């Protein structure tokens, strides 16, 4: 399948600095010293020392591309690659941790970020507001791989909102992290793709994760130049939903999205959304985590999605608990 990719930009961040040097705005933010805004920590060119922050499948793809670049000794783009992820109730950890362990990459669990020296940080689906003190530890700052065409869908669930609201176009933005607010930093690179008809969030995530990973590598190849040419986000068209918070990355988390009146549930296989919920008995987090398709739907697999039913796992008899939940009009 061929996907049409389009680049889109906002207004320029400021005057263009000389190639190979961070912009004056960024030098002022990070407090780099010296007459030309540099100190001994700053490398002029690759290979870079990278600290990656991520959690889910979208982030895993970006990490995979970074690891492949590190293994490519001919190109010499990545010198060091270490990973920070969130704790998980699963012994295997979240997808990013699983990949890091499999690839023998050093892994830290938030809020531990290690003590090494790095040139640049990379964030993808991490869901934590990073402090100014942490950002300033990186001479080139921290980049964010965000799966939306910012400033639309700022926040931790842009792919879900893109599908829920029927957006005809989705996108990925590589931007710089700024302290105190999510997704407001300057845009370094941005590309859009059409959303296929009847696309699910999971299907769209697969497309955007590959696009974002490729864009990240492209930015890192010309990092100082990309920073110098960064563009401020436009003020018009910004959307952000404070109802969706990053704590929902743990299976069993439930969030109600007020704007669309959709209940979002984070299950073992990712997010599902429902417009109406019928609870026959009190529901627990374990019920959500162990959710299974209702037997009615298993016998009628060709039934319209609007007639879909969900049921949680029945606990062993010795527990003396039977928890059942039916959900209508599920949206992946």
Protein backbone atom coordinates (compact mmCIF):
# COMPACT_ATOMS: atom_id res chain seq x y z
CA UNK A 1 0.00 0.00 0.00
CA UNK A 2 1.33 3.41 -0.96
CA UNK A 3 0.73 6.24 1.47
CA UNK A 4 0.77 9.85 0.39
CA UNK A 5 2.87 11.92 2.80
CA UNK A 6 2.63 15.69 2.90
CA UNK A 7 4.82 18.14 4.82
CA UNK A 8 3.19 21.04 6.61
CA UNK A 9 4.72 23.93 8.51
CA UNK A 10 3.75 26.77 10.78
CA UNK A 11 5.37 30.19 11.02
CA UNK A 12 9.12 30.36 11.44
CA UNK A 13 10.60 30.28 14.94
CA UNK A 14 12.97 33.13 14.19
CA UNK A 15 15.98 34.08 12.14
CA UNK A 16 18.06 31.22 10.78
CA UNK A 17 21.32 30.63 12.61
CA UNK A 18 24.46 29.31 11.01
CA UNK A 19 24.21 25.60 10.04
CA UNK A 20 25.66 23.22 12.61
CA UNK A 21 24.91 25.40 15.65
CA UNK A 22 21.86 25.41 17.98
CA UNK A 23 19.63 28.45 17.54
CA UNK A 24 20.01 31.48 19.76
CA UNK A 25 16.61 30.75 21.31
CA UNK A 26 17.64 27.24 22.26
CA UNK A 27 21.05 28.34 23.55
CA UNK A 28 19.31 30.83 25.81
CA UNK A 29 16.92 28.18 27.13
CA UNK A 30 19.55 25.57 27.93
CA UNK A 31 22.06 28.14 29.16
CA UNK A 32 25.00 27.03 27.06
CA UNK A 33 28.07 29.13 27.77
CA UNK A 34 30.85 30.54 25.61
CA UNK A 35 30.97 33.29 23.05
CA UNK A 36 29.37 31.14 20.39
CA UNK A 37 26.95 29.47 22.81
CA UNK A 38 28.79 26.18 23.15
CA UNK A 39 30.55 24.26 25.92
CA UNK A 40 32.59 21.08 26.12
CA UNK A 41 29.51 18.83 26.27
CA UNK A 42 28.16 19.76 22.87
CA UNK A 43 29.10 17.62 19.90
CA UNK A 44 29.21 19.37 16.57
CA UNK A 45 27.90 16.37 14.62
CA UNK A 46 26.87 12.68 14.97
CA UNK A 47 27.22 10.13 16.39
CA UNK A 48 24.84 11.23 19.15
CA UNK A 49 24.39 9.91 22.67
CA UNK A 50 20.64 9.39 23.06
CA UNK A 51 18.38 8.77 26.06
CA UNK A 52 14.98 7.46 24.93
CA UNK A 53 11.73 7.85 26.92
CA UNK A 54 8.77 5.65 25.88
CA UNK A 55 6.18 3.04 26.77
CA UNK A 56 3.87 1.57 24.13
CA UNK A 57 3.94 0.03 20.64
CA UNK A 58 4.16 3.43 18.95
CA UNK A 59 7.25 4.26 21.00
CA UNK A 60 8.70 0.79 20.44
CA UNK A 61 8.91 1.43 16.69
CA UNK A 62 10.88 4.65 17.23
CA UNK A 63 13.23 2.80 19.60
CA UNK A 64 13.65 0.03 17.04
CA UNK A 65 14.76 2.53 14.40
CA UNK A 66 17.18 4.17 16.83
CA UNK A 67 18.66 0.79 17.73
CA UNK A 68 19.05 -0.13 14.05
CA UNK A 69 20.85 3.19 13.48
CA UNK A 70 23.16 2.44 16.41
CA UNK A 71 23.98 -0.97 14.96
CA UNK A 72 24.77 0.58 11.57
CA UNK A 73 28.47 1.29 12.06
CA UNK A 74 28.89 2.68 8.54
CA UNK A 75 26.54 5.63 9.03
CA UNK A 76 27.59 6.42 12.63
CA UNK A 77 24.42 8.25 13.67
CA UNK A 78 23.96 6.88 17.22
CA UNK A 79 26.87 6.35 19.58
CA UNK A 80 25.03 5.47 22.80
CA UNK A 81 21.39 4.49 23.34
CA UNK A 82 19.72 4.04 26.73
CA UNK A 83 16.05 3.78 27.68
CA UNK A 84 13.67 5.15 30.31
CA UNK A 85 10.20 3.61 30.64
CA UNK A 86 7.31 3.51 33.09
CA UNK A 87 6.81 0.78 35.73
CA UNK A 88 4.28 -1.89 34.77
CA UNK A 89 2.29 -4.48 36.74
CA UNK A 90 3.39 -7.03 34.14
CA UNK A 91 6.63 -8.87 34.87
CA UNK A 92 7.62 -8.42 31.22
CA UNK A 93 7.04 -4.68 31.33
CA UNK A 94 5.65 -2.39 28.66
CA UNK A 95 6.54 -2.90 24.94
CA UNK A 96 9.47 -0.45 25.09
CA UNK A 97 11.02 -2.28 28.05
CA UNK A 98 10.50 -5.64 26.38
CA UNK A 99 12.34 -4.47 23.27
CA UNK A 100 15.13 -2.81 25.27
CA UNK A 101 15.76 -5.95 27.31
CA UNK A 102 15.66 -8.11 24.19
CA UNK A 103 18.17 -5.78 22.50
CA UNK A 104 20.38 -5.60 25.61
CA UNK A 105 19.95 -1.85 25.99
CA UNK A 106 20.33 -0.24 29.44
CA UNK A 107 16.83 0.36 30.91
CA UNK A 108 15.72 2.66 33.74
CA UNK A 109 12.25 2.88 35.29
CA UNK A 110 10.85 6.36 35.81
CA UNK A 111 11.67 8.50 37.74
CA UNK A 112 15.18 6.98 37.47
CA UNK A 113 16.84 8.47 34.38
CA UNK A 114 20.37 7.19 34.89
CA UNK A 115 23.44 9.35 35.37
CA UNK A 116 25.16 9.19 32.00
CA UNK A 117 26.08 12.01 29.62
CA UNK A 118 23.82 12.45 26.60
CA UNK A 119 23.56 14.84 23.66
CA UNK A 120 19.83 14.65 23.05
CA UNK A 121 16.73 13.06 24.55
CA UNK A 122 13.88 11.49 22.56
CA UNK A 123 10.32 11.07 23.86
CA UNK A 124 7.55 8.96 22.28
CA UNK A 125 4.29 8.13 24.10
CA UNK A 126 5.83 8.62 27.52
CA UNK A 127 3.05 10.57 29.18
CA UNK A 128 5.06 12.36 31.84
CA UNK A 129 5.68 16.10 32.04
CA UNK A 130 9.47 16.46 32.03
CA UNK A 131 10.98 19.08 34.30
CA UNK A 132 13.05 22.00 33.08
CA UNK A 133 15.99 20.69 35.12
CA UNK A 134 15.87 17.40 33.22
CA UNK A 135 15.52 19.07 29.81
CA UNK A 136 18.53 21.26 30.50
CA UNK A 137 20.74 18.20 31.01
CA UNK A 138 20.67 17.63 27.25
CA UNK A 139 22.75 20.07 25.17
CA UNK A 140 20.36 19.65 22.23
CA UNK A 141 17.24 19.34 24.37
CA UNK A 142 14.60 16.61 24.15
CA UNK A 143 12.72 15.76 20.96
CA UNK A 144 9.15 14.47 20.96
CA UNK A 145 7.72 12.12 18.32
CA UNK A 146 4.04 13.11 18.52
CA UNK A 147 1.43 11.31 16.35
CA UNK A 148 -0.64 14.31 15.30
CA UNK A 149 -0.35 17.40 13.11
CA UNK A 150 0.23 19.81 15.99
CA UNK A 151 -1.27 21.97 17.31
CA UNK A 152 -4.24 19.66 16.71
CA UNK A 153 -4.62 16.95 19.36
CA UNK A 154 -2.09 18.00 21.93
CA UNK A 155 -2.04 15.46 24.74
CA UNK A 156 -1.39 11.75 25.34
CA UNK A 157 -4.05 10.19 23.07
CA UNK A 158 -3.94 11.92 19.64
CA UNK A 159 -4.47 8.78 17.56
CA UNK A 160 -7.63 7.89 19.46
CA UNK A 161 -9.03 11.40 18.98
CA UNK A 162 -8.15 11.36 15.29
CA UNK A 163 -10.28 8.23 14.82
CA UNK A 164 -13.08 9.20 17.22
CA UNK A 165 -13.63 12.55 15.51
CA UNK A 166 -13.37 11.21 11.97
CA UNK A 167 -10.39 13.35 10.94
CA UNK A 168 -9.62 12.80 7.24
CA UNK A 169 -5.93 13.54 7.83
CA UNK A 170 -3.49 12.35 10.50
CA UNK A 171 0.15 13.20 10.99
CA UNK A 172 3.36 13.03 12.97
CA UNK A 173 5.26 15.97 14.40
CA UNK A 174 8.86 15.99 15.59
CA UNK A 175 9.06 18.84 18.08
CA UNK A 176 11.17 20.09 20.95
CA UNK A 177 9.98 19.50 24.49
CA UNK A 178 9.30 22.61 26.57
CA UNK A 179 8.83 22.55 30.36
CA UNK A 180 5.49 22.98 32.20
CA UNK A 181 3.16 22.25 29.24
CA UNK A 182 2.61 19.31 26.90
CA UNK A 183 3.18 19.56 23.14
CA UNK A 184 3.72 23.32 22.78
CA UNK A 185 7.35 23.41 21.63
CA UNK A 186 8.66 24.40 18.18
CA UNK A 187 8.11 22.06 15.25
CA UNK A 188 11.24 20.60 13.64
CA UNK A 189 9.51 18.35 11.12
CA UNK A 190 5.89 17.55 10.35
CA UNK A 191 4.21 15.29 7.79
CA UNK A 192 0.62 14.24 7.21
CA UNK A 193 -1.09 11.16 5.75
CA UNK A 194 -4.73 10.53 4.79
CA UNK A 195 -6.70 8.41 7.24
CA UNK A 196 -8.01 5.29 5.44
CA UNK A 197 -11.81 4.84 5.59
CA UNK A 198 -12.99 2.81 8.60
CA UNK A 199 -9.46 2.78 9.98
CA UNK A 200 -9.09 1.67 13.60
CA UNK A 201 -6.79 3.36 16.09
CA UNK A 202 -4.53 0.31 16.08
CA UNK A 203 -4.23 0.30 12.27
CA UNK A 204 -3.54 4.03 12.17
CA UNK A 205 -0.96 3.68 14.94
CA UNK A 206 0.99 1.18 12.84
CA UNK A 207 1.15 3.63 9.91
CA UNK A 208 2.09 6.63 12.07
CA UNK A 209 4.67 4.74 14.12
CA UNK A 210 6.70 3.88 11.00
CA UNK A 211 6.32 7.39 9.63
CA UNK A 212 7.40 8.93 12.95
CA UNK A 213 10.40 6.64 13.32
CA UNK A 214 11.66 7.54 9.84
CA UNK A 215 11.13 11.25 10.51
CA UNK A 216 13.08 11.00 13.77
CA UNK A 217 16.08 9.49 12.04
CA UNK A 218 15.92 12.21 9.39
CA UNK A 219 15.95 14.94 12.06
CA UNK A 220 18.85 13.35 13.95
CA UNK A 221 20.95 13.23 10.79
CA UNK A 222 20.81 17.04 10.63
CA UNK A 223 20.08 17.81 14.29
CA UNK A 224 21.71 21.26 14.72
CA UNK A 225 20.30 22.44 11.41
CA UNK A 226 16.85 21.08 12.31
CA UNK A 227 16.92 22.96 15.62
CA UNK A 228 17.94 26.18 13.91
CA UNK A 229 15.07 25.87 11.43
CA UNK A 230 12.42 25.06 14.02
CA UNK A 231 9.04 26.77 13.64
CA UNK A 232 6.64 27.89 16.32
CA UNK A 233 3.27 26.16 16.37
CA UNK A 234 0.41 28.26 14.98
CA UNK A 235 -1.97 29.67 17.57
CA UNK A 236 -5.08 28.75 15.60
CA UNK A 237 -6.39 25.20 15.40
CA UNK A 238 -5.04 24.03 18.76
CA UNK A 239 -7.01 21.26 20.47
CA UNK A 240 -6.18 19.63 23.78
CA UNK A 241 -8.27 17.45 26.05
CA UNK A 242 -7.33 17.66 29.75
CA UNK A 243 -9.66 14.74 30.48
CA UNK A 244 -7.09 12.32 29.03
CA UNK A 245 -4.06 11.98 31.28
CA UNK A 246 -0.95 9.88 30.93
CA UNK A 247 -1.75 7.70 33.95
CA UNK A 248 -4.07 5.73 31.68
CA UNK A 249 -1.17 3.70 30.26
CA UNK A 250 -1.75 0.97 32.86
CA UNK A 251 -4.17 -1.83 31.79
CA UNK A 252 -7.46 -1.45 33.63
CA UNK A 253 -7.44 2.35 33.52
CA UNK A 254 -10.73 4.00 32.55
CA UNK A 255 -11.19 7.57 31.31
CA UNK A 256 -14.35 9.37 30.27
CA UNK A 257 -13.87 11.74 27.37
CA UNK A 258 -16.35 14.55 28.00
CA UNK A 259 -16.25 16.12 24.53
CA UNK A 260 -17.25 12.99 22.60
CA UNK A 261 -19.04 11.29 25.54
CA UNK A 262 -17.00 8.16 25.00
CA UNK A 263 -15.59 5.95 27.73
CA UNK A 264 -11.99 4.92 26.98
CA UNK A 265 -10.68 1.70 28.51
CA UNK A 266 -7.03 0.61 28.33
CA UNK A 267 -7.05 -3.19 28.05
CA UNK A 268 -4.41 -5.84 27.37
CA UNK A 269 -4.55 -5.25 23.61
CA UNK A 270 -4.66 -1.45 23.80
CA UNK A 271 -7.45 1.13 23.89
CA UNK A 272 -11.12 0.49 23.25
CA UNK A 273 -13.84 3.13 23.30
CA UNK A 274 -17.52 2.68 24.11
CA UNK A 275 -20.48 5.04 23.94
CA UNK A 276 -22.67 3.24 26.47
CA UNK A 277 -21.98 0.92 29.36
CA UNK A 278 -24.30 -1.39 31.29
CA UNK A 279 -22.96 -2.73 34.57
CA UNK A 280 -24.85 -5.64 36.11
CA UNK A 281 -22.63 -5.66 39.19
CA UNK A 282 -19.82 -3.65 40.73
CA UNK A 283 -16.80 -3.69 38.43
CA UNK A 284 -13.17 -3.98 39.48
CA UNK A 285 -9.91 -3.11 37.71
CA UNK A 286 -9.22 -6.86 37.46
CA UNK A 287 -12.41 -7.25 35.45
CA UNK A 288 -11.25 -4.69 32.89
CA UNK A 289 -7.75 -6.14 32.71
CA UNK A 290 -9.08 -9.66 32.06
CA UNK A 291 -11.74 -8.56 29.57
CA UNK A 292 -12.97 -10.97 26.89
CA UNK A 293 -15.51 -10.79 24.09
CA UNK A 294 -19.00 -11.76 25.18
CA UNK A 295 -19.97 -15.31 24.01
CA UNK A 296 -22.85 -13.78 22.04
CA UNK A 297 -20.41 -11.90 19.85
CA UNK A 298 -18.11 -14.91 19.44
CA UNK A 299 -21.04 -16.82 17.93
CA UNK A 300 -22.04 -13.90 15.71
CA UNK A 301 -18.66 -12.67 14.47
CA UNK A 302 -20.25 -11.11 11.36
CA UNK A 303 -22.60 -8.94 13.39
CA UNK A 304 -22.32 -5.14 13.04
CA UNK A 305 -19.92 -3.45 15.41
CA UNK A 306 -22.82 -1.50 16.92
CA UNK A 307 -24.16 -4.80 18.33
CA UNK A 308 -20.87 -5.81 19.92
CA UNK A 309 -20.94 -7.00 23.54
CA UNK A 310 -18.09 -7.37 26.00
CA UNK A 311 -17.82 -9.53 29.08
CA UNK A 312 -15.07 -9.82 31.64
CA UNK A 313 -13.44 -13.04 32.75
CA UNK A 314 -15.45 -14.96 35.35
CA UNK A 315 -13.28 -15.38 38.42
CA UNK A 316 -12.76 -18.84 39.98
CA UNK A 317 -15.65 -20.15 42.08
CA UNK A 318 -13.60 -20.01 45.26
CA UNK A 319 -13.52 -16.24 44.92
CA UNK A 320 -17.34 -16.23 45.02
CA UNK A 321 -17.39 -13.34 42.61
CA UNK A 322 -18.97 -13.04 39.20
CA UNK A 323 -18.37 -9.81 37.41
CA UNK A 324 -20.11 -9.12 34.11
CA UNK A 325 -20.02 -6.04 31.96
CA UNK A 326 -21.66 -5.37 28.60
CA UNK A 327 -20.44 -2.59 26.39
CA UNK A 328 -22.24 -1.34 23.28
CA UNK A 329 -20.97 0.40 20.19
CA UNK A 330 -17.31 -0.35 20.75
CA UNK A 331 -14.76 1.65 18.81
CA UNK A 332 -11.22 0.37 18.45
